[in-house]
PDB file of N, CA and C in Angstrom:
ATOM      1  N   MET A   1     120.101  25.909 114.121  1.00  0.00           N
ATOM      2  CA  MET A   1     120.483  26.765 114.961  1.00  0.00           C
ATOM      3  C   MET A   1     121.859  26.723 114.874  1.00  0.00           C
ATOM      4  N   ALA A   2     122.127  28.287 115.365  1.00  0.00           N
ATOM      5  CA  ALA A   2     123.460  28.821 115.611  1.00  0.00           C
ATOM      6  C   ALA A   2     124.373  28.731 116.606  1.00  0.00           C
ATOM      7  N   THR A   3     125.492  27.838 116.238  1.00  0.00           N
ATOM      8  CA  THR A   3     126.168  27.955 117.345  1.00  0.00           C
ATOM      9  C   THR A   3     126.857  28.705 117.395  1.00  0.00           C
ATOM     10  N   VAL A   4     126.822  29.029 119.154  1.00  0.00           N
ATOM     11  CA  VAL A   4     126.952  30.333 119.652  1.00  0.00           C
ATOM     12  C   VAL A   4     128.343  30.304 120.249  1.00  0.00           C
ATOM     13  N   SER A   5     128.601  31.513 119.669  1.00  0.00           N
ATOM     14  CA  SER A   5     130.393  31.843 119.538  1.00  0.00           C
ATOM     15  C   SER A   5     131.105  31.646 120.925  1.00  0.00           C
ATOM     16  N   PRO A   6     132.329  31.183 120.950  1.00  0.00           N
ATOM     17  CA  PRO A   6     133.137  30.434 122.210  1.00  0.00           C
ATOM     18  C   PRO A   6     133.926  32.005 122.440  1.00  0.00           C
ATOM     19  N   CYS A   7     133.498  33.207 122.167  1.00  0.00           N
ATOM     20  CA  CYS A   7     134.191  34.746 122.437  1.00  0.00           C
ATOM     21  C   CYS A   7     134.385  35.373 123.864  1.00  0.00           C
ATOM     22  N   THR A   8     135.578  36.008 124.351  1.00  0.00           N
ATOM     23  CA  THR A   8     135.199  36.167 125.752  1.00  0.00           C
ATOM     24  C   THR A   8     135.397  37.434 125.772  1.00  0.00           C
ATOM     25  N   LYS A   9     135.229  37.842 124.690  1.00  0.00           N
ATOM     26  CA  LYS A   9     135.657  39.385 124.612  1.00  0.00           C
ATOM     27  C   LYS A   9     137.483  39.494 125.503  1.00  0.00           C
ATOM     28  N   VAL A  10     138.114  39.078 125.002  1.00  0.00           N
ATOM     29  CA  VAL A  10     139.995  38.862 124.981  1.00  0.00           C
ATOM     30  C   VAL A  10     140.311  39.138 123.745  1.00  0.00           C
ATOM     31  N   CYS A  11     139.880  40.062 122.633  1.00  0.00           N
ATOM     32  CA  CYS A  11     140.803  39.619 121.321  1.00  0.00           C
ATOM     33  C   CYS A  11     141.728  40.034 120.772  1.00  0.00           C
ATOM     34  N   VAL A  12     142.465  39.038 121.523  1.00  0.00           N
ATOM     35  CA  VAL A  12     144.114  39.466 121.385  1.00  0.00           C
ATOM     36  C   VAL A  12     145.042  38.578 120.429  1.00  0.00           C
ATOM     37  N   ILE A  13     146.070  37.947 119.217  1.00  0.00           N
ATOM     38  CA  ILE A  13     145.870  37.480 118.429  1.00  0.00           C
ATOM     39  C   ILE A  13     147.259  37.322 119.204  1.00  0.00           C
ATOM     40  N   GLY A  14     147.717  35.682 119.795  1.00  0.00           N
ATOM     41  CA  GLY A  14     149.269  36.144 120.389  1.00  0.00           C
ATOM     42  C   GLY A  14     150.234  35.254 119.048  1.00  0.00           C
ATOM     43  N   ALA A  15     151.524  35.150 119.971  1.00  0.00           N
ATOM     44  CA  ALA A  15     152.143  34.617 118.518  1.00  0.00           C
ATOM     45  C   ALA A  15     152.150  33.119 118.109  1.00  0.00           C
ATOM     46  N   ASP A  16     151.231  32.736 119.089  1.00  0.00           N
ATOM     47  CA  ASP A  16     150.891  31.154 118.585  1.00  0.00           C
ATOM     48  C   ASP A  16     149.863  31.218 116.876  1.00  0.00           C
ATOM     49  N   GLY A  17     149.650  32.403 117.172  1.00  0.00           N
ATOM     50  CA  GLY A  17     148.472  32.284 116.427  1.00  0.00           C
ATOM     51  C   GLY A  17     146.444  32.050 116.688  1.00  0.00           C
ATOM     52  N   LEU A  18     146.438  32.313 118.086  1.00  0.00           N
ATOM     53  CA  LEU A  18     145.420  31.913 118.375  1.00  0.00           C
ATOM     54  C   LEU A  18     145.159  33.011 119.260  1.00  0.00           C
ATOM     55  N   CYS A  19     143.494  33.257 119.004  1.00  0.00           N
ATOM     56  CA  CYS A  19     142.862  34.452 120.804  1.00  0.00           C
ATOM     57  C   CYS A  19     143.688  34.061 121.396  1.00  0.00           C
ATOM     58  N   ASP A  20     144.401  35.203 122.702  1.00  0.00           N
ATOM     59  CA  ASP A  20     144.261  34.360 123.882  1.00  0.00           C
ATOM     60  C   ASP A  20     142.707  34.539 124.842  1.00  0.00           C
ATOM     61  N   GLY A  21     142.115  34.379 124.514  1.00  0.00           N
ATOM     62  CA  GLY A  21     140.705  34.129 125.524  1.00  0.00           C
ATOM     63  C   GLY A  21     139.899  33.794 124.495  1.00  0.00           C
ATOM     64  N   CYS A  22     139.671  33.166 123.084  1.00  0.00           N
ATOM     65  CA  CYS A  22     138.869  31.990 123.031  1.00  0.00           C
ATOM     66  C   CYS A  22     139.420  30.883 122.394  1.00  0.00           C
ATOM     67  N   LEU A  23     141.102  31.595 121.989  1.00  0.00           N
ATOM     68  CA  LEU A  23     141.852  30.168 121.406  1.00  0.00           C
ATOM     69  C   LEU A  23     141.538  29.893 119.574  1.00  0.00           C
ATOM     70  N   ARG A  24     140.477  30.682 118.717  1.00  0.00           N
ATOM     71  CA  ARG A  24     140.369  30.636 117.676  1.00  0.00           C
ATOM     72  C   ARG A  24     141.697  30.889 117.286  1.00  0.00           C
ATOM     73  N   THR A  25     141.304  30.773 115.908  1.00  0.00           N
ATOM     74  CA  THR A  25     142.494  31.296 114.568  1.00  0.00           C
ATOM     75  C   THR A  25     141.918  32.930 114.592  1.00  0.00           C
ATOM     76  N   SER A  26     142.548  33.860 113.430  1.00  0.00           N
ATOM     77  CA  SER A  26     141.779  34.443 113.306  1.00  0.00           C
ATOM     78  C   SER A  26     141.432  34.575 112.177  1.00  0.00           C
ATOM     79  N   ARG A  27     141.219  33.671 111.347  1.00  0.00           N
ATOM     80  CA  ARG A  27     140.625  32.820 110.880  1.00  0.00           C
ATOM     81  C   ARG A  27     139.326  32.509 110.795  1.00  0.00           C
ATOM     82  N   GLU A  28     139.240  31.266 111.547  1.00  0.00           N
ATOM     83  CA  GLU A  28     137.847  30.951 112.235  1.00  0.00           C
ATOM     84  C   GLU A  28     137.080  32.042 112.614  1.00  0.00           C
ATOM     85  N   ILE A  29     137.440  32.766 113.692  1.00  0.00           N
ATOM     86  CA  ILE A  29     136.726  34.155 114.016  1.00  0.00           C
ATOM     87  C   ILE A  29     136.137  35.289 112.870  1.00  0.00           C
ATOM     88  N   ALA A  30     136.730  35.600 111.830  1.00  0.00           N
ATOM     89  CA  ALA A  30     136.332  36.157 110.785  1.00  0.00           C
ATOM     90  C   ALA A  30     135.613  34.802 109.796  1.00  0.00           C
ATOM     91  N   VAL A  31     135.488  33.906 109.975  1.00  0.00           N
ATOM     92  CA  VAL A  31     134.300  32.996 109.293  1.00  0.00           C
ATOM     93  C   VAL A  31     133.124  32.794 110.160  1.00  0.00           C
ATOM     94  N   TRP A  32     133.151  32.340 111.679  1.00  0.00           N
ATOM     95  CA  TRP A  32     132.494  32.317 112.173  1.00  0.00           C
ATOM     96  C   TRP A  32     131.474  31.990 111.859  1.00  0.00           C
ATOM     97  N   GLY A  33     130.449  33.303 112.217  1.00  0.00           N
ATOM     98  CA  GLY A  33     128.959  33.832 111.599  1.00  0.00           C
ATOM     99  C   GLY A  33     128.492  32.571 110.637  1.00  0.00           C
ATOM    100  N   LEU A  34     129.647  32.477 109.307  1.00  0.00           N
ATOM    101  CA  LEU A  34     129.501  32.164 108.018  1.00  0.00           C
ATOM    102  C   LEU A  34     129.649  30.638 107.945  1.00  0.00           C
ATOM    103  N   ILE A  35     130.652  29.616 108.801  1.00  0.00           N
ATOM    104  CA  ILE A  35     130.373  28.708 109.009  1.00  0.00           C
ATOM    105  C   ILE A  35     129.496  27.792 109.015  1.00  0.00           C
ATOM    106  N   PRO A  36     129.168  26.547 108.341  1.00  0.00           N
ATOM    107  CA  PRO A  36     128.495  25.161 108.792  1.00  0.00           C
ATOM    108  C   PRO A  36     128.252  25.224 110.289  1.00  0.00           C
ATOM    109  N   ASP A  37     126.916  25.292 111.017  1.00  0.00           N
ATOM    110  CA  ASP A  37     127.071  24.470 112.393  1.00  0.00           C
ATOM    111  C   ASP A  37     127.750  23.503 112.896  1.00  0.00           C
ATOM    112  N   GLU A  38     127.988  22.259 111.695  1.00  0.00           N
ATOM    113  CA  GLU A  38     129.027  21.213 111.967  1.00  0.00           C
ATOM    114  C   GLU A  38     130.436  21.744 111.869  1.00  0.00           C
ATOM    115  N   VAL A  39     130.916  22.677 111.089  1.00  0.00           N
ATOM    116  CA  VAL A  39     132.046  23.152 111.585  1.00  0.00           C
ATOM    117  C   VAL A  39     131.801  24.239 112.887  1.00  0.00           C
ATOM    118  N   ALA A  40     131.796  24.962 113.273  1.00  0.00           N
ATOM    119  CA  ALA A  40     131.812  25.285 114.401  1.00  0.00           C
ATOM    120  C   ALA A  40     131.499  24.570 115.421  1.00  0.00           C
ATOM    121  N   ARG A  41     131.007  23.555 115.547  1.00  0.00           N
ATOM    122  CA  ARG A  41     131.227  22.175 116.651  1.00  0.00           C
ATOM    123  C   ARG A  41     132.166  21.325 117.057  1.00  0.00           C
ATOM    124  N   ARG A  42     133.135  21.472 115.681  1.00  0.00           N
ATOM    125  CA  ARG A  42     134.463  20.493 115.423  1.00  0.00           C
ATOM    126  C   ARG A  42     135.324  22.017 116.051  1.00  0.00           C
ATOM    127  N   VAL A  43     134.750  23.034 115.557  1.00  0.00           N
ATOM    128  CA  VAL A  43     136.349  24.364 116.014  1.00  0.00           C
ATOM    129  C   VAL A  43     135.790  23.808 117.299  1.00  0.00           C
ATOM    130  N   MET A  44     134.737  23.828 118.002  1.00  0.00           N
ATOM    131  CA  MET A  44     134.343  23.981 119.459  1.00  0.00           C
ATOM    132  C   MET A  44     134.953  22.955 120.146  1.00  0.00           C
ATOM    133  N   ALA A  45     134.491  21.473 119.814  1.00  0.00           N
ATOM    134  CA  ALA A  45     135.585  20.049 120.086  1.00  0.00           C
ATOM    135  C   ALA A  45     136.807  20.302 120.221  1.00  0.00           C
ATOM    136  N   ASP A  46     137.742  21.230 119.429  1.00  0.00           N
ATOM    137  CA  ASP A  46     139.024  21.791 119.504  1.00  0.00           C
ATOM    138  C   ASP A  46     139.700  22.174 120.256  1.00  0.00           C
ATOM    139  N   LEU A  47     139.025  23.453 120.851  1.00  0.00           N
ATOM    140  CA  LEU A  47     139.070  24.837 122.103  1.00  0.00           C
ATOM    141  C   LEU A  47     139.440  23.705 123.077  1.00  0.00           C
ATOM    142  N   SER A  48     139.072  22.535 123.736  1.00  0.00           N
ATOM    143  CA  SER A  48     139.396  21.824 125.089  1.00  0.00           C
ATOM    144  C   SER A  48     141.151  21.622 124.423  1.00  0.00           C
ATOM    145  N   ARG A  49     141.341  20.699 123.408  1.00  0.00           N
ATOM    146  CA  ARG A  49     142.763  20.226 122.898  1.00  0.00           C
ATOM    147  C   ARG A  49     143.265  21.608 122.665  1.00  0.00           C
ATOM    148  N   ARG A  50     143.233  22.858 122.305  1.00  0.00           N
ATOM    149  CA  ARG A  50     143.825  24.237 122.374  1.00  0.00           C
ATOM    150  C   ARG A  50     144.196  24.355 123.876  1.00  0.00           C
ATOM    151  N   ARG A  51     143.239  24.658 124.563  1.00  0.00           N
ATOM    152  CA  ARG A  51     143.322  24.837 126.252  1.00  0.00           C
ATOM    153  C   ARG A  51     144.215  24.042 126.785  1.00  0.00           C
ATOM    154  N   ALA A  52     144.478  22.664 126.861  1.00  0.00           N
ATOM    155  CA  ALA A  52     145.878  21.605 127.058  1.00  0.00           C
ATOM    156  C   ALA A  52     146.920  22.409 126.424  1.00  0.00           C
ATOM    157  N   ASP A  53     146.775  21.885 125.873  1.00  0.00           N
ATOM    158  CA  ASP A  53     147.530  22.465 124.353  1.00  0.00           C
ATOM    159  C   ASP A  53     148.500  24.539 126.018  1.00  0.00           C
ATOM    160  N   SER A  54     148.001  24.711 125.733  1.00  0.00           N
ATOM    161  CA  SER A  54     148.368  26.295 125.719  1.00  0.00           C
ATOM    162  C   SER A  54     148.955  26.278 127.645  1.00  0.00           C
ATOM    163  N   ASP A  55     147.902  25.530 128.516  1.00  0.00           N
ATOM    164  CA  ASP A  55     148.387  25.652 129.373  1.00  0.00           C
ATOM    165  C   ASP A  55     147.558  24.520 129.989  1.00  0.00           C
ATOM    166  N   PRO A  56     148.976  23.195 129.996  1.00  0.00           N
ATOM    167  CA  PRO A  56     147.796  21.820 130.865  1.00  0.00           C
ATOM    168  C   PRO A  56     147.676  21.792 131.832  1.00  0.00           C
ATOM    169  N   GLU A  57     148.216  22.851 133.188  1.00  0.00           N
ATOM    170  CA  GLU A  57     147.298  23.195 134.693  1.00  0.00           C
ATOM    171  C   GLU A  57     145.534  23.184 134.784  1.00  0.00           C
ATOM    172  N   GLN A  58     145.120  24.167 133.508  1.00  0.00           N
ATOM    173  CA  GLN A  58     144.151  24.129 133.422  1.00  0.00           C
ATOM    174  C   GLN A  58     143.170  23.170 133.331  1.00  0.00           C
ATOM    175  N   VAL A  59     144.092  22.197 132.731  1.00  0.00           N
ATOM    176  CA  VAL A  59     143.022  20.757 132.468  1.00  0.00           C
ATOM    177  C   VAL A  59     142.473  20.307 133.586  1.00  0.00           C
ATOM    178  N   VAL A  60     141.359  19.718 133.250  1.00  0.00           N
ATOM    179  CA  VAL A  60     141.041  18.758 135.214  1.00  0.00           C
ATOM    180  C   VAL A  60     141.345  17.725 134.706  1.00  0.00           C
ATOM    181  N   GLU A  61     141.713  16.970 135.434  1.00  0.00           N
ATOM    182  CA  GLU A  61     141.827  14.882 135.622  1.00  0.00           C
ATOM    183  C   GLU A  61     140.160  14.230 135.760  1.00  0.00           C
ATOM    184  N   GLY A  62     139.352  13.788 135.086  1.00  0.00           N
ATOM    185  CA  GLY A  62     138.378  13.215 135.298  1.00  0.00           C
ATOM    186  C   GLY A  62     138.109  11.888 136.392  1.00  0.00           C
TER     187      GLY A  62
END
């Protein structure tokens, strides 16, 4: 089963090289439909860290 894309339809690559909407790199976006699910899941797991790095105030501590 294909991993669902994290795209939020805010497709702007920022100065940091990440999409402002989904925080993927342009390379990750370009190959998303071609990469194995295992690789896509690793990228998805990494997006939480990227969110924390880009905006620490949005991270909710549990």
